[in-house]
Amino acid sequence: MATPTQTPTTAPEEPDPFYYDYDTVQTVGMTLATILFLLGILIIVSKKVKCRKADSRSESPTCKSCKSELPSSAPGGGGV
């Protein structure tokens, strides 16, 4: 506090480097989380669809694992 005989010294106002607009941070975080979540779901679904549409004679490792799970994709038609 300045006394009446002293002139108050004013430092130039610098923006605080540790000030965050929390609404913007929250919005950006939720947007990125949503995009990554949907991308993960899309990757999982696309692998399952790709495996089901694959030719039964294909020797790719992903379709071998699907053949054991899906009896209809076994050679000769399989089925229950």
Protein backbone atom coordinates (compact mmCIF):
# COMPACT_ATOMS: atom_id res chain seq x y z
CA MET A 1 0.00 0.00 0.00
CA ALA A 2 1.39 3.40 -0.93
CA THR A 3 1.41 6.32 1.48
CA PRO A 4 0.09 9.68 0.21
CA THR A 5 3.65 10.93 -0.38
CA GLN A 6 4.66 7.92 -2.50
CA THR A 7 3.54 7.39 -6.03
CA PRO A 8 2.36 3.86 -6.65
CA THR A 9 4.56 1.96 -9.04
CA THR A 10 2.69 0.12 -11.73
CA ALA A 11 4.33 -2.74 -13.53
CA PRO A 12 3.28 -3.41 -17.08
CA GLU A 13 0.47 -5.97 -17.14
CA GLU A 14 1.66 -9.24 -18.60
CA PRO A 15 -0.76 -12.04 -19.26
CA ASP A 16 -0.47 -14.91 -16.81
CA PRO A 17 1.11 -17.85 -18.68
CA PHE A 18 -0.71 -20.30 -16.38
CA TYR A 19 -4.20 -19.03 -17.01
CA TYR A 20 -6.41 -21.50 -18.85
CA ASP A 21 -9.86 -21.08 -20.27
CA TYR A 22 -11.24 -24.26 -18.73
CA ASP A 23 -14.40 -24.27 -20.85
CA THR A 24 -12.31 -24.40 -24.02
CA VAL A 25 -9.96 -27.03 -22.57
CA GLN A 26 -12.94 -29.18 -21.59
CA THR A 27 -14.62 -28.78 -24.99
CA VAL A 28 -11.46 -29.65 -26.92
CA GLY A 29 -10.76 -32.63 -24.65
CA MET A 30 -14.25 -34.06 -25.02
CA THR A 31 -14.15 -33.54 -28.79
CA LEU A 32 -10.84 -35.37 -29.12
CA ALA A 33 -12.03 -38.17 -26.83
CA THR A 34 -15.18 -38.60 -28.92
CA ILE A 35 -13.24 -38.68 -32.19
CA LEU A 36 -10.76 -41.25 -30.86
CA PHE A 37 -13.56 -43.38 -29.39
CA LEU A 38 -15.48 -43.44 -32.67
CA LEU A 39 -12.29 -44.15 -34.61
CA GLY A 40 -11.58 -47.14 -32.37
CA ILE A 41 -15.10 -48.49 -32.84
CA LEU A 42 -14.78 -48.00 -36.60
CA ILE A 43 -11.51 -49.93 -36.69
CA ILE A 44 -12.96 -52.80 -34.67
CA VAL A 45 -16.09 -53.02 -36.81
CA SER A 46 -14.17 -52.76 -40.08
CA LYS A 47 -11.92 -55.69 -39.11
CA LYS A 48 -14.93 -57.87 -38.32
CA VAL A 49 -16.72 -56.96 -41.55
CA LYS A 50 -13.56 -57.45 -43.61
CA CYS A 51 -13.08 -60.91 -42.13
CA ARG A 52 -16.65 -61.99 -42.85
CA LYS A 53 -16.49 -60.80 -46.46
CA ALA A 54 -13.12 -62.45 -47.09
CA ASP A 55 -12.85 -65.46 -49.36
CA SER A 56 -12.89 -68.74 -47.43
CA ARG A 57 -9.75 -69.87 -49.28
CA SER A 58 -7.83 -66.84 -48.03
CA GLU A 59 -4.86 -67.63 -45.80
CA SER A 60 -4.69 -64.33 -43.94
CA PRO A 61 -4.21 -64.75 -40.17
CA THR A 62 -7.26 -62.64 -39.30
CA CYS A 63 -9.56 -64.87 -41.31
CA LYS A 64 -8.11 -68.04 -39.78
CA SER A 65 -9.22 -66.81 -36.38
CA CYS A 66 -12.65 -65.97 -37.78
CA LYS A 67 -12.99 -69.43 -39.32
CA SER A 68 -12.75 -70.99 -35.88
CA GLU A 69 -15.44 -68.63 -34.56
CA LEU A 70 -17.81 -68.72 -37.54
CA PRO A 71 -18.81 -72.24 -38.58
CA SER A 72 -20.43 -71.00 -41.81
CA SER A 73 -17.06 -69.79 -43.13
CA ALA A 74 -15.47 -73.24 -42.94
CA PRO A 75 -14.57 -74.89 -46.26
CA GLY A 76 -17.50 -76.84 -47.69
CA GLY A 77 -20.17 -74.56 -46.26
CA GLY A 78 -20.08 -75.87 -42.66
CA GLY A 79 -23.12 -74.71 -40.80
CA VAL A 80 -25.06 -76.02 -37.87
